[in-house]
Amino acid sequence: MYKGRREGAAGPPLSGLAQSARGLSIPLGPASVRTRPSTPSSCFLYPSFSASLLVAMVHKSLQLAISIAIPLVGGTLGGLLTGPEIKGWYSKLKKPRWTPPNILFPIMWPILYVFNGIASYNVLQSKGSGKTQALMLYGIQLVLNFAWTPLFFKVHRPDWALIDISAMLGMATTATVSMTKATSAKQILPFMGWLAYATALTASVNHLNPDASKIKSDVDADKSIPMSPMPEAEKKK
C-alpha cells in the first residue's frame, strides 16, 4: 500500500477511469496534470479573417462608387454644356404650360443618376444568369442618355433629340425589365417615370418649334457681330 506520497512523486498506476478523468482535466489531487493537446489560440486567426473581410468591403465600396460615378460624371459633364444655352437659345423656345422650372433639372438628374448607379451595382453583385444582358442594356441606354444633351442644347435639334430620347425610353424599359429579373433593382423606377415625362416634353417642344435650329442664341449672336472698325485717331497712332 502507498501511504501518503509527496507532491509530484510517482504514484501507483492509475485505473482507466482515473486516466479518463485526467484527460478531461478533472482534478485528481495535487499531481493532476492537463493532458489535453494544446491548440493554437483562436486570436491568431482573427487578423487574417479581418484582413480578408476588409479587402472585400473595400472592393465592394469601390464597385459602388464607380457604378454611381459613371452616370453622375457623364450627366454632370453634359449639364455643363447646357448652362449658357438655357439662358440663351432655350429661353427663346415655345414651351408647353407643364414645363418644369429650369432649377428643377440640375436637381432631379443627379439624384436619378445616383439611383441608376445603385441599381446597376445591385445587378453587378447578383448571381443571376441575366446579369450580363441587363448591364449591356443599361450601358446602351446610358450612352443614349448622354447623347441627348448635346443634340438638344448644343446642336439645337429637338427633332434629333426626340429620336434619341424615344430610343432611350425603349432601351431603358427593356433594361429595367432585365435588371429587375436579375435582382432587386427598383431604384431605377423613378428614372423611368422622369424619362417618360422628359420624352413627352421633348416631343412637345419639337412640335411647338419646327424651326428651332434657326433660332439664334445669345452666344451665337455675339459671335456673329463683327468687330467695330478702329477709330481714325487710333489708326493715325
Protein backbone atom coordinates (compact mmCIF):
# COMPACT_ATOMS: atom_id res chain seq x y z
CA MET A 1 0.00 0.00 0.00
CA TYR A 2 1.17 3.52 -0.73
CA LYS A 3 0.70 5.66 2.32
CA GLY A 4 0.88 9.34 1.56
CA ARG A 5 3.26 10.19 -1.26
CA ARG A 6 4.98 13.50 -1.64
CA GLU A 7 3.65 16.05 -4.07
CA GLY A 8 4.99 15.35 -7.54
CA ALA A 9 6.24 11.83 -6.53
CA ALA A 10 5.45 8.90 -8.76
CA GLY A 11 2.37 7.00 -7.68
CA PRO A 12 0.79 3.70 -8.49
CA PRO A 13 -0.65 3.04 -11.95
CA LEU A 14 -3.98 4.79 -12.45
CA SER A 15 -7.09 2.95 -13.34
CA GLY A 16 -8.84 3.51 -16.69
CA LEU A 17 -11.46 5.74 -15.07
CA ALA A 18 -8.79 7.87 -13.44
CA GLN A 19 -6.92 8.22 -16.71
CA SER A 20 -10.13 9.34 -18.45
CA ALA A 21 -10.78 11.86 -15.69
CA ARG A 22 -7.25 13.18 -16.03
CA GLY A 23 -7.75 13.60 -19.80
CA LEU A 24 -10.81 15.73 -19.07
CA SER A 25 -8.76 17.90 -16.71
CA ILE A 26 -10.69 16.73 -13.65
CA PRO A 27 -8.56 17.38 -10.55
CA LEU A 28 -7.34 14.12 -9.03
CA GLY A 29 -5.11 15.58 -6.42
CA PRO A 30 -2.10 17.81 -6.27
CA ALA A 31 -0.32 15.95 -9.04
CA SER A 32 -3.16 16.36 -11.51
CA VAL A 33 -1.87 17.37 -14.96
CA ARG A 34 -3.85 18.67 -18.00
CA THR A 35 -3.22 16.13 -20.74
CA ARG A 36 -5.49 17.60 -23.47
CA PRO A 37 -3.32 18.53 -26.50
CA SER A 38 -2.81 22.23 -26.87
CA THR A 39 -4.27 24.02 -29.88
CA PRO A 40 -3.29 27.39 -31.35
CA SER A 41 -5.17 30.26 -29.84
CA SER A 42 -8.06 31.45 -31.99
CA CYS A 43 -6.81 35.00 -31.69
CA PHE A 44 -4.16 34.19 -34.29
CA LEU A 45 -7.00 33.53 -36.78
CA TYR A 46 -8.62 36.97 -36.33
CA PRO A 47 -6.05 39.11 -38.17
CA SER A 48 -6.31 37.13 -41.41
CA PHE A 49 -10.09 36.99 -41.13
CA SER A 50 -10.35 40.73 -40.54
CA ALA A 51 -7.96 41.48 -43.40
CA SER A 52 -9.97 39.41 -45.90
CA LEU A 53 -13.19 41.00 -44.70
CA LEU A 54 -11.68 44.47 -45.03
CA VAL A 55 -10.46 43.74 -48.57
CA ALA A 56 -13.93 42.52 -49.56
CA MET A 57 -15.57 45.63 -48.09
CA VAL A 58 -13.14 47.95 -49.88
CA HIS A 59 -13.69 46.09 -53.16
CA LYS A 60 -17.47 46.40 -52.92
CA SER A 61 -17.21 50.04 -51.90
CA LEU A 62 -15.11 50.79 -54.98
CA GLN A 63 -17.59 48.98 -57.21
CA LEU A 64 -20.45 51.02 -55.74
CA ALA A 65 -18.53 54.28 -56.12
CA ILE A 66 -17.67 53.53 -59.76
CA SER A 67 -21.24 52.44 -60.53
CA ILE A 68 -22.54 55.78 -59.24
CA ALA A 69 -19.73 57.88 -60.73
CA ILE A 70 -20.24 56.67 -64.31
CA PRO A 71 -23.76 58.11 -64.82
CA LEU A 72 -23.19 61.02 -62.44
CA VAL A 73 -19.98 62.27 -64.05
CA GLY A 74 -21.32 61.77 -67.57
CA GLY A 75 -24.51 63.64 -66.74
CA THR A 76 -22.62 66.43 -64.98
CA LEU A 77 -20.35 67.00 -67.97
CA GLY A 78 -23.40 67.20 -70.19
CA GLY A 79 -25.01 69.63 -67.78
CA LEU A 80 -22.05 71.97 -68.09
CA LEU A 81 -22.92 72.35 -71.76
CA THR A 82 -26.47 73.47 -71.03
CA GLY A 83 -25.69 76.43 -68.78
CA PRO A 84 -25.29 79.16 -71.42
CA GLU A 85 -27.94 77.61 -73.68
CA ILE A 86 -30.67 77.59 -71.03
CA LYS A 87 -30.43 81.36 -70.65
CA GLY A 88 -29.96 81.86 -74.38
CA TRP A 89 -31.41 79.58 -77.03
CA TYR A 90 -33.66 77.53 -74.73
CA SER A 91 -35.28 80.64 -73.25
CA LYS A 92 -36.46 81.65 -76.75
CA LEU A 93 -38.28 78.39 -77.43
CA LYS A 94 -42.03 77.96 -77.11
CA LYS A 95 -42.82 75.50 -74.32
CA PRO A 96 -45.94 73.78 -73.01
CA ARG A 97 -47.56 75.03 -69.83
CA TRP A 98 -46.49 71.95 -67.91
CA THR A 99 -42.78 72.66 -68.45
CA PRO A 100 -40.99 72.49 -65.08
CA PRO A 101 -38.88 75.41 -63.84
CA ASN A 102 -35.28 75.40 -65.00
CA ILE A 103 -33.98 74.95 -61.46
CA LEU A 104 -35.58 71.52 -61.27
CA PHE A 105 -33.39 69.93 -63.95
CA PRO A 106 -30.00 70.22 -62.16
CA ILE A 107 -31.65 68.83 -59.03
CA MET A 108 -33.53 65.86 -60.47
CA TRP A 109 -30.94 64.45 -62.88
CA PRO A 110 -28.10 63.96 -60.34
CA ILE A 111 -30.48 62.23 -57.92
CA LEU A 112 -31.72 59.92 -60.65
CA TYR A 113 -28.17 59.18 -61.79
CA VAL A 114 -27.27 58.11 -58.25
CA PHE A 115 -30.30 55.79 -58.18
CA ASN A 116 -29.24 54.36 -61.54
CA GLY A 117 -25.75 53.70 -60.22
CA ILE A 118 -27.10 51.89 -57.16
CA ALA A 119 -29.39 49.77 -59.35
CA SER A 120 -26.51 48.81 -61.67
CA TYR A 121 -24.38 47.94 -58.62
CA ASN A 122 -27.09 45.61 -57.32
CA VAL A 123 -27.17 43.88 -60.70
CA LEU A 124 -23.38 43.64 -60.70
CA GLN A 125 -23.44 41.92 -57.31
CA SER A 126 -26.18 39.48 -58.28
CA LYS A 127 -25.52 35.90 -59.33
CA GLY A 128 -28.37 35.61 -61.79
CA SER A 129 -27.88 34.34 -65.31
CA GLY A 130 -29.24 37.52 -66.92
CA LYS A 131 -26.75 39.87 -65.25
CA THR A 132 -24.57 40.41 -68.33
CA GLN A 133 -27.50 41.15 -70.63
CA ALA A 134 -29.03 43.56 -68.10
CA LEU A 135 -25.79 45.53 -67.74
CA MET A 136 -25.33 45.72 -71.52
CA LEU A 137 -28.83 47.15 -71.99
CA TYR A 138 -28.22 49.57 -69.14
CA GLY A 139 -24.98 50.74 -70.76
CA ILE A 140 -26.65 51.34 -74.13
CA GLN A 141 -29.43 53.46 -72.62
CA LEU A 142 -26.79 55.39 -70.68
CA VAL A 143 -24.96 56.27 -73.93
CA LEU A 144 -28.24 57.43 -75.45
CA ASN A 145 -28.84 59.48 -72.32
CA PHE A 146 -25.51 61.27 -72.64
CA ALA A 147 -26.16 61.96 -76.34
CA TRP A 148 -29.47 63.76 -75.73
CA THR A 149 -27.97 66.86 -74.10
CA PRO A 150 -25.64 67.93 -76.94
CA LEU A 151 -28.27 67.09 -79.55
CA PHE A 152 -30.87 69.28 -77.89
CA PHE A 153 -28.86 72.13 -76.37
CA LYS A 154 -25.71 72.40 -78.50
CA VAL A 155 -26.86 71.31 -81.96
CA HIS A 156 -30.27 72.94 -81.39
CA ARG A 157 -32.13 70.00 -82.90
CA PRO A 158 -35.12 68.96 -80.80
CA ASP A 159 -36.18 66.62 -83.61
CA TRP A 160 -32.93 64.65 -83.36
CA ALA A 161 -33.14 64.76 -79.59
CA LEU A 162 -36.67 63.34 -79.79
CA ILE A 163 -35.46 60.37 -81.82
CA ASP A 164 -32.67 59.83 -79.33
CA ILE A 165 -34.83 60.02 -76.21
CA SER A 166 -37.50 57.80 -77.76
CA ALA A 167 -34.89 55.13 -78.42
CA MET A 168 -33.57 55.68 -74.89
CA LEU A 169 -37.03 55.21 -73.39
CA GLY A 170 -37.47 51.91 -75.20
CA MET A 171 -33.98 50.72 -74.29
CA ALA A 172 -34.35 51.84 -70.68
CA THR A 173 -37.65 49.98 -70.38
CA THR A 174 -36.04 46.80 -71.67
CA ALA A 175 -33.06 47.31 -69.38
CA THR A 176 -35.31 47.87 -66.36
CA VAL A 177 -37.21 44.63 -67.00
CA SER A 178 -33.97 42.73 -67.44
CA MET A 179 -32.38 44.31 -64.34
CA THR A 180 -35.36 43.58 -62.09
CA LYS A 181 -35.29 39.96 -63.24
CA ALA A 182 -31.61 39.66 -62.35
CA THR A 183 -32.00 41.19 -58.89
CA SER A 184 -33.85 43.84 -56.92
CA ALA A 185 -33.15 46.99 -58.95
CA LYS A 186 -36.19 49.06 -58.05
CA GLN A 187 -34.01 52.16 -57.69
CA ILE A 188 -34.23 52.69 -61.45
CA LEU A 189 -38.04 53.03 -61.44
CA PRO A 190 -38.06 56.79 -60.56
CA PHE A 191 -35.74 57.35 -63.51
CA MET A 192 -38.23 55.63 -65.80
CA GLY A 193 -41.03 57.94 -64.67
CA TRP A 194 -38.90 61.05 -65.20
CA LEU A 195 -37.67 59.76 -68.57
CA ALA A 196 -41.23 59.28 -69.81
CA TYR A 197 -42.00 62.86 -68.76
CA ALA A 198 -38.83 64.18 -70.45
CA THR A 199 -39.78 62.32 -73.65
CA ALA A 200 -43.21 63.94 -73.72
CA LEU A 201 -41.65 67.35 -73.02
CA THR A 202 -39.13 66.94 -75.85
CA ALA A 203 -41.91 65.93 -78.24
CA SER A 204 -43.98 68.97 -77.27
CA VAL A 205 -41.06 71.39 -77.64
CA ASN A 206 -40.23 69.89 -81.03
CA HIS A 207 -43.86 70.31 -82.14
CA LEU A 208 -44.07 73.92 -80.98
CA ASN A 209 -40.72 74.88 -82.52
CA PRO A 210 -40.38 73.40 -86.01
CA ASP A 211 -37.64 75.94 -86.83
CA ALA A 212 -35.76 75.59 -83.56
CA SER A 213 -32.44 75.08 -85.32
CA LYS A 214 -32.77 78.54 -86.93
CA ILE A 215 -33.21 80.35 -83.63
CA LYS A 216 -30.03 82.11 -82.65
CA SER A 217 -28.88 82.03 -79.07
CA ASP A 218 -27.20 84.98 -77.40
CA VAL A 219 -23.87 83.17 -77.66
CA ASP A 220 -24.30 82.70 -81.42
CA ALA A 221 -25.41 86.31 -81.81
CA ASP A 222 -22.30 87.57 -80.07
CA LYS A 223 -20.13 85.52 -82.39
CA SER A 224 -21.89 86.88 -85.48
CA ILE A 225 -21.41 90.57 -84.54
CA PRO A 226 -18.43 91.98 -86.49
CA MET A 227 -15.76 93.85 -84.66
CA SER A 228 -16.22 97.60 -84.72
CA PRO A 229 -13.78 99.42 -87.01
CA MET A 230 -10.83 101.07 -85.37
CA PRO A 231 -11.32 104.80 -84.89
CA GLU A 232 -9.36 107.08 -87.17
CA ALA A 233 -7.46 108.53 -84.24
CA GLU A 234 -6.24 105.07 -83.31
CA LYS A 235 -5.15 104.39 -86.92
CA LYS A 236 -3.04 107.55 -87.09
CA LYS A 237 -1.24 106.50 -83.94
